[in-house]
Each structure stands twice: as structure tokens, then as C-alpha cells.
PDB file of N, CA and C in Angstrom:
ATOM      1  N   MET A   1     107.622  50.308-136.312  1.00  0.00           N
ATOM      2  CA  MET A   1     108.201  51.644-136.267  1.00  0.00           C
ATOM      3  C   MET A   1     107.165  52.616-135.663  1.00  0.00           C
ATOM      4  N   PHE A   2     107.659  53.455-134.788  1.00  0.00           N
ATOM      5  CA  PHE A   2     106.819  54.462-134.168  1.00  0.00           C
ATOM      6  C   PHE A   2     106.636  55.626-135.019  1.00  0.00           C
ATOM      7  N   PRO A   3     105.502  56.318-134.901  1.00  0.00           N
ATOM      8  CA  PRO A   3     105.374  57.617-135.599  1.00  0.00           C
ATOM      9  C   PRO A   3     106.383  58.601-135.024  1.00  0.00           C
ATOM     10  N   ASN A   4     106.734  59.593-135.834  1.00  0.00           N
ATOM     11  CA  ASN A   4     107.656  60.625-135.350  1.00  0.00           C
ATOM     12  C   ASN A   4     106.933  61.534-134.335  1.00  0.00           C
ATOM     13  N   LEU A   5     107.737  62.048-133.421  1.00  0.00           N
ATOM     14  CA  LEU A   5     107.216  63.027-132.454  1.00  0.00           C
ATOM     15  C   LEU A   5     106.865  64.320-133.261  1.00  0.00           C
ATOM     16  N   ASP A   6     105.812  64.923-132.969  1.00  0.00           N
ATOM     17  CA  ASP A   6     105.381  66.202-133.631  1.00  0.00           C
ATOM     18  C   ASP A   6     106.478  67.216-133.486  1.00  0.00           C
ATOM     19  N   PRO A   7     107.103  67.620-134.547  1.00  0.00           N
ATOM     20  CA  PRO A   7     108.238  68.576-134.450  1.00  0.00           C
ATOM     21  C   PRO A   7     107.788  69.956-133.889  1.00  0.00           C
ATOM     22  N   LEU A   8     106.501  70.288-134.091  1.00  0.00           N
ATOM     23  CA  LEU A   8     106.023  71.539-133.555  1.00  0.00           C
ATOM     24  C   LEU A   8     105.959  71.483-132.029  1.00  0.00           C
ATOM     25  N   LEU A   9     105.616  70.347-131.464  1.00  0.00           N
ATOM     26  CA  LEU A   9     105.575  70.247-129.998  1.00  0.00           C
ATOM     27  C   LEU A   9     106.915  69.790-129.414  1.00  0.00           C
ATOM     28  N   HIS A  10     107.825  69.383-130.245  1.00  0.00           N
ATOM     29  CA  HIS A  10     109.077  68.847-129.732  1.00  0.00           C
ATOM     30  C   HIS A  10     110.028  70.017-129.311  1.00  0.00           C
ATOM     31  N   SER A  11     109.696  71.218-129.677  1.00  0.00           N
ATOM     32  CA  SER A  11     110.420  72.395-129.259  1.00  0.00           C
ATOM     33  C   SER A  11     110.168  72.586-127.730  1.00  0.00           C
ATOM     34  N   GLU A  12     111.225  72.850-126.961  1.00  0.00           N
ATOM     35  CA  GLU A  12     111.064  72.948-125.531  1.00  0.00           C
ATOM     36  C   GLU A  12     110.101  74.014-125.100  1.00  0.00           C
ATOM     37  N   LEU A  13     110.163  75.194-125.707  1.00  0.00           N
ATOM     38  CA  LEU A  13     109.296  76.287-125.287  1.00  0.00           C
ATOM     39  C   LEU A  13     107.859  76.060-125.715  1.00  0.00           C
ATOM     40  N   ARG A  14     107.654  75.550-126.962  1.00  0.00           N
ATOM     41  CA  ARG A  14     106.295  75.291-127.399  1.00  0.00           C
ATOM     42  C   ARG A  14     105.652  74.153-126.565  1.00  0.00           C
ATOM     43  N   LEU A  15     106.470  73.163-126.172  1.00  0.00           N
ATOM     44  CA  LEU A  15     105.926  72.071-125.348  1.00  0.00           C
ATOM     45  C   LEU A  15     105.613  72.657-123.972  1.00  0.00           C
ATOM     46  N   ALA A  16     106.413  73.542-123.433  1.00  0.00           N
ATOM     47  CA  ALA A  16     106.119  74.156-122.113  1.00  0.00           C
ATOM     48  C   ALA A  16     104.839  74.986-122.179  1.00  0.00           C
ATOM     49  N   VAL A  17     104.622  75.726-123.293  1.00  0.00           N
ATOM     50  CA  VAL A  17     103.428  76.521-123.418  1.00  0.00           C
ATOM     51  C   VAL A  17     102.184  75.565-123.447  1.00  0.00           C
ATOM     52  N   MET A  18     102.281  74.561-124.281  1.00  0.00           N
ATOM     53  CA  MET A  18     101.161  73.625-124.395  1.00  0.00           C
ATOM     54  C   MET A  18     100.893  72.951-123.030  1.00  0.00           C
ATOM     55  N   SER A  19     101.934  72.529-122.330  1.00  0.00           N
ATOM     56  CA  SER A  19     101.757  71.864-121.057  1.00  0.00           C
ATOM     57  C   SER A  19     101.070  72.800-120.038  1.00  0.00           C
ATOM     58  N   LEU A  20     101.459  74.070-120.030  1.00  0.00           N
ATOM     59  CA  LEU A  20     100.807  75.037-119.142  1.00  0.00           C
ATOM     60  C   LEU A  20      99.342  75.155-119.510  1.00  0.00           C
ATOM     61  N   LEU A  21      99.059  75.299-120.784  1.00  0.00           N
ATOM     62  CA  LEU A  21      97.671  75.503-121.216  1.00  0.00           C
ATOM     63  C   LEU A  21      96.804  74.243-120.995  1.00  0.00           C
ATOM     64  N   MET A  22      97.448  73.057-120.988  1.00  0.00           N
ATOM     65  CA  MET A  22      96.720  71.819-120.767  1.00  0.00           C
ATOM     66  C   MET A  22      96.140  71.791-119.332  1.00  0.00           C
ATOM     67  N   SER A  23      96.819  72.433-118.425  1.00  0.00           N
ATOM     68  CA  SER A  23      96.384  72.415-117.017  1.00  0.00           C
ATOM     69  C   SER A  23      95.557  73.599-116.646  1.00  0.00           C
ATOM     70  N   ALA A  24      95.229  74.485-117.586  1.00  0.00           N
ATOM     71  CA  ALA A  24      94.443  75.632-117.286  1.00  0.00           C
ATOM     72  C   ALA A  24      93.452  75.830-118.472  1.00  0.00           C
ATOM     73  N   ASP A  25      92.314  76.434-118.190  1.00  0.00           N
ATOM     74  CA  ASP A  25      91.396  76.741-119.282  1.00  0.00           C
ATOM     75  C   ASP A  25      91.985  77.768-120.236  1.00  0.00           C
ATOM     76  N   GLU A  26      92.693  78.704-119.646  1.00  0.00           N
ATOM     77  CA  GLU A  26      93.340  79.767-120.427  1.00  0.00           C
ATOM     78  C   GLU A  26      94.439  80.362-119.614  1.00  0.00           C
ATOM     79  N   ALA A  27      95.340  81.077-120.299  1.00  0.00           N
ATOM     80  CA  ALA A  27      96.403  81.754-119.566  1.00  0.00           C
ATOM     81  C   ALA A  27      96.793  83.048-120.310  1.00  0.00           C
ATOM     82  N   GLU A  28      97.110  84.072-119.537  1.00  0.00           N
ATOM     83  CA  GLU A  28      97.505  85.344-120.103  1.00  0.00           C
ATOM     84  C   GLU A  28      98.997  85.286-120.442  1.00  0.00           C
ATOM     85  N   PHE A  29      99.408  86.087-121.378  1.00  0.00           N
ATOM     86  CA  PHE A  29     100.790  86.117-121.855  1.00  0.00           C
ATOM     87  C   PHE A  29     101.811  86.325-120.697  1.00  0.00           C
ATOM     88  N   PRO A  30     101.593  87.288-119.826  1.00  0.00           N
ATOM     89  CA  PRO A  30     102.587  87.512-118.738  1.00  0.00           C
ATOM     90  C   PRO A  30     102.761  86.248-117.850  1.00  0.00           C
ATOM     91  N   TYR A  31     101.656  85.544-117.605  1.00  0.00           N
ATOM     92  CA  TYR A  31     101.766  84.324-116.784  1.00  0.00           C
ATOM     93  C   TYR A  31     102.602  83.266-117.547  1.00  0.00           C
ATOM     94  N   ILE A  32     102.324  83.078-118.829  1.00  0.00           N
ATOM     95  CA  ILE A  32     103.078  82.113-119.594  1.00  0.00           C
ATOM     96  C   ILE A  32     104.586  82.508-119.621  1.00  0.00           C
ATOM     97  N   LYS A  33     104.829  83.755-119.817  1.00  0.00           N
ATOM     98  CA  LYS A  33     106.198  84.273-119.871  1.00  0.00           C
ATOM     99  C   LYS A  33     106.881  84.030-118.570  1.00  0.00           C
ATOM    100  N   GLU A  34     106.221  84.282-117.441  1.00  0.00           N
ATOM    101  CA  GLU A  34     106.825  84.061-116.147  1.00  0.00           C
ATOM    102  C   GLU A  34     107.071  82.590-115.859  1.00  0.00           C
ATOM    103  N   GLN A  35     106.163  81.716-116.194  1.00  0.00           N
ATOM    104  CA  GLN A  35     106.275  80.328-115.945  1.00  0.00           C
ATOM    105  C   GLN A  35     107.312  79.644-116.804  1.00  0.00           C
ATOM    106  N   THR A  36     107.483  80.088-118.031  1.00  0.00           N
ATOM    107  CA  THR A  36     108.452  79.480-118.943  1.00  0.00           C
ATOM    108  C   THR A  36     109.839  80.101-118.876  1.00  0.00           C
ATOM    109  N   GLY A  37     109.917  81.359-118.375  1.00  0.00           N
ATOM    110  CA  GLY A  37     111.207  82.039-118.325  1.00  0.00           C
ATOM    111  C   GLY A  37     111.632  82.540-119.681  1.00  0.00           C
ATOM    112  N   ALA A  38     110.743  82.561-120.661  1.00  0.00           N
ATOM    113  CA  ALA A  38     111.047  82.957-121.978  1.00  0.00           C
ATOM    114  C   ALA A  38     111.076  84.485-122.110  1.00  0.00           C
ATOM    115  N   THR A  39     111.750  84.960-123.114  1.00  0.00           N
ATOM    116  CA  THR A  39     111.696  86.388-123.414  1.00  0.00           C
ATOM    117  C   THR A  39     110.355  86.672-124.116  1.00  0.00           C
ATOM    118  N   ALA A  40     109.932  87.906-124.033  1.00  0.00           N
ATOM    119  CA  ALA A  40     108.632  88.239-124.680  1.00  0.00           C
ATOM    120  C   ALA A  40     108.678  88.020-126.191  1.00  0.00           C
ATOM    121  N   GLY A  41     109.803  88.370-126.823  1.00  0.00           N
ATOM    122  CA  GLY A  41     109.938  88.187-128.265  1.00  0.00           C
ATOM    123  C   GLY A  41     109.855  86.732-128.671  1.00  0.00           C
ATOM    124  N   ASN A  42     110.665  85.881-127.991  1.00  0.00           N
ATOM    125  CA  ASN A  42     110.680  84.462-128.319  1.00  0.00           C
ATOM    126  C   ASN A  42     109.312  83.826-128.065  1.00  0.00           C
ATOM    127  N   LEU A  43     108.698  84.138-126.903  1.00  0.00           N
ATOM    128  CA  LEU A  43     107.410  83.633-126.578  1.00  0.00           C
ATOM    129  C   LEU A  43     106.378  84.013-127.634  1.00  0.00           C
ATOM    130  N   SER A  44     106.407  85.263-128.085  1.00  0.00           N
ATOM    131  CA  SER A  44     105.451  85.737-129.093  1.00  0.00           C
ATOM    132  C   SER A  44     105.615  84.884-130.403  1.00  0.00           C
ATOM    133  N   VAL A  45     106.819  84.622-130.786  1.00  0.00           N
ATOM    134  CA  VAL A  45     107.062  83.842-131.998  1.00  0.00           C
ATOM    135  C   VAL A  45     106.504  82.454-131.828  1.00  0.00           C
ATOM    136  N   GLN A  46     106.754  81.815-130.711  1.00  0.00           N
ATOM    137  CA  GLN A  46     106.324  80.390-130.443  1.00  0.00           C
ATOM    138  C   GLN A  46     104.808  80.346-130.338  1.00  0.00           C
ATOM    139  N   ILE A  47     104.190  81.304-129.728  1.00  0.00           N
ATOM    140  CA  ILE A  47     102.728  81.336-129.640  1.00  0.00           C
ATOM    141  C   ILE A  47     102.146  81.500-131.041  1.00  0.00           C
ATOM    142  N   GLU A  48     102.741  82.335-131.850  1.00  0.00           N
ATOM    143  CA  GLU A  48     102.245  82.500-133.218  1.00  0.00           C
ATOM    144  C   GLU A  48     102.344  81.170-133.990  1.00  0.00           C
ATOM    145  N   LYS A  49     103.436  80.423-133.815  1.00  0.00           N
ATOM    146  CA  LYS A  49     103.579  79.128-134.484  1.00  0.00           C
ATOM    147  C   LYS A  49     102.469  78.148-134.051  1.00  0.00           C
ATOM    148  N   LEU A  50     102.233  78.137-132.754  1.00  0.00           N
ATOM    149  CA  LEU A  50     101.177  77.215-132.243  1.00  0.00           C
ATOM    150  C   LEU A  50      99.809  77.666-132.744  1.00  0.00           C
ATOM    151  N   SER A  51      99.569  78.939-132.786  1.00  0.00           N
ATOM    152  CA  SER A  51      98.324  79.521-133.283  1.00  0.00           C
ATOM    153  C   SER A  51      98.123  79.187-134.757  1.00  0.00           C
ATOM    154  N   THR A  52      99.164  79.401-135.553  1.00  0.00           N
ATOM    155  CA  THR A  52      99.087  79.147-136.985  1.00  0.00           C
ATOM    156  C   THR A  52      98.762  77.673-137.265  1.00  0.00           C
ATOM    157  N   ALA A  53      99.302  76.805-136.431  1.00  0.00           N
ATOM    158  CA  ALA A  53      99.030  75.346-136.547  1.00  0.00           C
ATOM    159  C   ALA A  53      97.648  74.988-136.102  1.00  0.00           C
ATOM    160  N   GLY A  54      96.967  75.896-135.453  1.00  0.00           N
ATOM    161  CA  GLY A  54      95.631  75.619-134.927  1.00  0.00           C
ATOM    162  C   GLY A  54      95.669  74.919-133.572  1.00  0.00           C
ATOM    163  N   TYR A  55      96.820  74.857-132.925  1.00  0.00           N
ATOM    164  CA  TYR A  55      96.905  74.209-131.624  1.00  0.00           C
ATOM    165  C   TYR A  55      96.409  75.076-130.484  1.00  0.00           C
ATOM    166  N   ILE A  56      96.505  76.351-130.619  1.00  0.00           N
ATOM    167  CA  ILE A  56      95.987  77.250-129.630  1.00  0.00           C
ATOM    168  C   ILE A  56      95.200  78.386-130.338  1.00  0.00           C
ATOM    169  N   GLU A  57      94.300  78.991-129.549  1.00  0.00           N
ATOM    170  CA  GLU A  57      93.689  80.226-130.067  1.00  0.00           C
ATOM    171  C   GLU A  57      94.176  81.362-129.188  1.00  0.00           C
ATOM    172  N   VAL A  58      94.361  82.494-129.825  1.00  0.00           N
ATOM    173  CA  VAL A  58      94.897  83.663-129.118  1.00  0.00           C
ATOM    174  C   VAL A  58      93.863  84.751-129.225  1.00  0.00           C
ATOM    175  N   GLU A  59      93.481  85.274-128.069  1.00  0.00           N
ATOM    176  CA  GLU A  59      92.503  86.366-128.009  1.00  0.00           C
ATOM    177  C   GLU A  59      93.213  87.615-127.544  1.00  0.00           C
ATOM    178  N   LYS A  60      93.165  88.654-128.316  1.00  0.00           N
ATOM    179  CA  LYS A  60      93.783  89.904-127.952  1.00  0.00           C
ATOM    180  C   LYS A  60      92.680  90.854-127.551  1.00  0.00           C
ATOM    181  N   THR A  61      92.769  91.324-126.291  1.00  0.00           N
ATOM    182  CA  THR A  61      91.750  92.191-125.756  1.00  0.00           C
ATOM    183  C   THR A  61      92.419  93.294-124.921  1.00  0.00           C
ATOM    184  N   PHE A  62      91.688  93.961-124.124  1.00  0.00           N
ATOM    185  CA  PHE A  62      92.251  94.992-123.252  1.00  0.00           C
ATOM    186  C   PHE A  62      91.743  94.807-121.856  1.00  0.00           C
ATOM    187  N   LYS A  63      92.584  95.117-120.871  1.00  0.00           N
ATOM    188  CA  LYS A  63      92.232  95.221-119.462  1.00  0.00           C
ATOM    189  C   LYS A  63      92.392  96.708-119.168  1.00  0.00           C
ATOM    190  N   GLY A  64      91.259  97.398-119.141  1.00  0.00           N
ATOM    191  CA  GLY A  64      91.355  98.820-119.017  1.00  0.00           C
ATOM    192  C   GLY A  64      91.988  99.363-120.292  1.00  0.00           C
ATOM    193  N   LYS A  65      93.077 100.044-120.194  1.00  0.00           N
ATOM    194  CA  LYS A  65      93.768 100.561-121.396  1.00  0.00           C
ATOM    195  C   LYS A  65      94.983  99.705-121.791  1.00  0.00           C
ATOM    196  N   LYS A  66      95.257  98.658-121.059  1.00  0.00           N
ATOM    197  CA  LYS A  66      96.422  97.827-121.311  1.00  0.00           C
ATOM    198  C   LYS A  66      96.021  96.614-122.190  1.00  0.00           C
ATOM    199  N   PRO A  67      96.852  96.321-123.186  1.00  0.00           N
ATOM    200  CA  PRO A  67      96.526  95.137-124.029  1.00  0.00           C
ATOM    201  C   PRO A  67      96.680  93.873-123.210  1.00  0.00           C
ATOM    202  N   CYS A  68      95.877  92.880-123.539  1.00  0.00           N
ATOM    203  CA  CYS A  68      95.876  91.604-122.834  1.00  0.00           C
ATOM    204  C   CYS A  68      95.764  90.508-123.876  1.00  0.00           C
ATOM    205  N   THR A  69      96.719  89.539-123.846  1.00  0.00           N
ATOM    206  CA  THR A  69      96.722  88.421-124.769  1.00  0.00           C
ATOM    207  C   THR A  69      96.402  87.190-123.964  1.00  0.00           C
ATOM    208  N   ILE A  70      95.346  86.498-124.335  1.00  0.00           N
ATOM    209  CA  ILE A  70      94.938  85.237-123.670  1.00  0.00           C
ATOM    210  C   ILE A  70      95.069  84.089-124.643  1.00  0.00           C
ATOM    211  N   CYS A  71      95.613  83.000-124.156  1.00  0.00           N
ATOM    212  CA  CYS A  71      95.825  81.775-124.957  1.00  0.00           C
ATOM    213  C   CYS A  71      95.008  80.622-124.427  1.00  0.00           C
ATOM    214  N   ARG A  72      94.430  79.813-125.311  1.00  0.00           N
ATOM    215  CA  ARG A  72      93.686  78.652-124.958  1.00  0.00           C
ATOM    216  C   ARG A  72      94.049  77.509-125.944  1.00  0.00           C
ATOM    217  N   VAL A  73      94.017  76.258-125.459  1.00  0.00           N
ATOM    218  CA  VAL A  73      94.253  75.116-126.336  1.00  0.00           C
ATOM    219  C   VAL A  73      92.952  74.862-127.098  1.00  0.00           C
ATOM    220  N   THR A  74      93.105  74.516-128.373  1.00  0.00           N
ATOM    221  CA  THR A  74      91.979  74.168-129.231  1.00  0.00           C
ATOM    222  C   THR A  74      91.819  72.631-129.214  1.00  0.00           C
ATOM    223  N   PRO A  75      90.696  72.147-129.710  1.00  0.00           N
ATOM    224  CA  PRO A  75      90.551  70.666-129.804  1.00  0.00           C
ATOM    225  C   PRO A  75      91.696  70.033-130.658  1.00  0.00           C
ATOM    226  N   THR A  76      92.124  70.725-131.689  1.00  0.00           N
ATOM    227  CA  THR A  76      93.252  70.209-132.534  1.00  0.00           C
ATOM    228  C   THR A  76      94.494  70.141-131.650  1.00  0.00           C
ATOM    229  N   GLY A  77      94.732  71.158-130.860  1.00  0.00           N
ATOM    230  CA  GLY A  77      95.914  71.188-130.012  1.00  0.00           C
ATOM    231  C   GLY A  77      95.850  70.076-128.927  1.00  0.00           C
ATOM    232  N   LEU A  78      94.641  69.872-128.412  1.00  0.00           N
ATOM    233  CA  LEU A  78      94.491  68.816-127.404  1.00  0.00           C
ATOM    234  C   LEU A  78      94.838  67.476-127.997  1.00  0.00           C
ATOM    235  N   LYS A  79      94.357  67.194-129.154  1.00  0.00           N
ATOM    236  CA  LYS A  79      94.637  65.911-129.835  1.00  0.00           C
ATOM    237  C   LYS A  79      96.105  65.822-130.132  1.00  0.00           C
ATOM    238  N   ALA A  80      96.702  66.832-130.650  1.00  0.00           N
ATOM    239  CA  ALA A  80      98.160  66.836-130.953  1.00  0.00           C
ATOM    240  C   ALA A  80      98.990  66.581-129.704  1.00  0.00           C
ATOM    241  N   PHE A  81      98.598  67.221-128.573  1.00  0.00           N
ATOM    242  CA  PHE A  81      99.344  67.045-127.363  1.00  0.00           C
ATOM    243  C   PHE A  81      99.210  65.602-126.853  1.00  0.00           C
ATOM    244  N   GLU A  82      97.979  65.084-126.861  1.00  0.00           N
ATOM    245  CA  GLU A  82      97.709  63.725-126.422  1.00  0.00           C
ATOM    246  C   GLU A  82      98.470  62.694-127.300  1.00  0.00           C
ATOM    247  N   ASP A  83      98.509  62.921-128.601  1.00  0.00           N
ATOM    248  CA  ASP A  83      99.253  62.060-129.516  1.00  0.00           C
ATOM    249  C   ASP A  83     100.762  62.120-129.240  1.00  0.00           C
ATOM    250  N   TYR A  84     101.248  63.322-128.937  1.00  0.00           N
ATOM    251  CA  TYR A  84     102.662  63.517-128.629  1.00  0.00           C
ATOM    252  C   TYR A  84     103.032  62.711-127.399  1.00  0.00           C
ATOM    253  N   VAL A  85     102.225  62.837-126.353  1.00  0.00           N
ATOM    254  CA  VAL A  85     102.463  62.167-125.088  1.00  0.00           C
ATOM    255  C   VAL A  85     102.436  60.637-125.309  1.00  0.00           C
ATOM    256  N   LYS A  86     101.425  60.178-126.073  1.00  0.00           N
ATOM    257  CA  LYS A  86     101.285  58.706-126.339  1.00  0.00           C
ATOM    258  C   LYS A  86     102.511  58.216-127.067  1.00  0.00           C
ATOM    259  N   THR A  87     102.961  58.968-128.086  1.00  0.00           N
ATOM    260  CA  THR A  87     104.138  58.530-128.822  1.00  0.00           C
ATOM    261  C   THR A  87     105.370  58.499-127.947  1.00  0.00           C
ATOM    262  N   LEU A  88     105.541  59.474-127.130  1.00  0.00           N
ATOM    263  CA  LEU A  88     106.669  59.541-126.244  1.00  0.00           C
ATOM    264  C   LEU A  88     106.633  58.387-125.251  1.00  0.00           C
ATOM    265  N   LYS A  89     105.468  58.058-124.747  1.00  0.00           N
ATOM    266  CA  LYS A  89     105.312  56.891-123.857  1.00  0.00           C
ATOM    267  C   LYS A  89     105.695  55.589-124.575  1.00  0.00           C
ATOM    268  N   ASN A  90     105.308  55.466-125.851  1.00  0.00           N
ATOM    269  CA  ASN A  90     105.677  54.277-126.600  1.00  0.00           C
ATOM    270  C   ASN A  90     107.211  54.146-126.741  1.00  0.00           C
ATOM    271  N   TYR A  91     107.821  55.276-127.014  1.00  0.00           N
ATOM    272  CA  TYR A  91     109.305  55.237-127.100  1.00  0.00           C
ATOM    273  C   TYR A  91     109.937  54.826-125.749  1.00  0.00           C
ATOM    274  N   LEU A  92     109.380  55.291-124.662  1.00  0.00           N
ATOM    275  CA  LEU A  92     109.925  54.952-123.347  1.00  0.00           C
ATOM    276  C   LEU A  92     109.693  53.471-123.030  1.00  0.00           C
ATOM    277  N   GLU A  93     108.600  52.923-123.486  1.00  0.00           N
ATOM    278  CA  GLU A  93     108.307  51.486-123.224  1.00  0.00           C
ATOM    279  C   GLU A  93     109.283  50.620-123.987  1.00  0.00           C
ATOM    280  N   VAL A  94     109.667  51.015-125.168  1.00  0.00           N
ATOM    281  CA  VAL A  94     110.642  50.254-125.948  1.00  0.00           C
ATOM    282  C   VAL A  94     111.982  50.207-125.230  1.00  0.00           C
ATOM    283  N   GLY A  95     112.327  51.329-124.576  1.00  0.00           N
ATOM    284  CA  GLY A  95     113.581  51.376-123.872  1.00  0.00           C
ATOM    285  C   GLY A  95     113.585  50.476-122.626  1.00  0.00           C
ATOM    286  N   LYS A  96     112.452  50.105-122.133  1.00  0.00           N
ATOM    287  CA  LYS A  96     112.393  49.192-120.962  1.00  0.00           C
ATOM    288  C   LYS A  96     112.543  47.746-121.337  1.00  0.00           C
ATOM    289  N   LYS A  97     112.327  47.409-122.611  1.00  0.00           N
ATOM    290  CA  LYS A  97     112.336  46.005-123.042  1.00  0.00           C
ATOM    291  C   LYS A  97     113.710  45.537-123.351  1.00  0.00           C
TER     292      LYS A  97
END
């Protein structure tokens, strides 16, 4: 029996956020919003869930007088993402047999 897919990462938007962050050192909120097509409110909620789980760190700063939110994957998030992909690959291999 295979382990279950991480339900936190199995959400389409959270998986998209993690995938984006895996390919970049960090990303600002507007970039993530643009790339995922999410609304600001929904994206904020999903980023908070990933942050609470320790999968990403969120830095709130300013660019001039404008607020700037920067997201980065944590080591915990990296492991969770790698485990998720490995589990998914295992499921796909079973389908080929």
C-alpha cells in the first residue's frame, strides 16, 4: 500500500504555489498571483496554510511605501514536495503494470 498523498499539497492552488517556489529562490505575492490566476483573497488563505504547516516562509516588507510579501520554500516544504512527487510517481508506476 502506498502512503497517502499529502492533502495539504494535493490542493491545486497550494501545489501550484509550491511548484512555482521550487523553481525560484523566492517569489513576490503579485508574481504568484499572476502565475496561478488566483484571486488575492484565495491566494492569501492558501499561502497562510502553507506557512502554518512550515512549508514556506513568508516575509512581509516594504518596497518604498508599498507592502511587499515574499514567499520562500523551507527545508520542511522541500521534503514534503519531494515526498509528494515520489508518492505520485509510485502511483503512476502501478498504473503501468
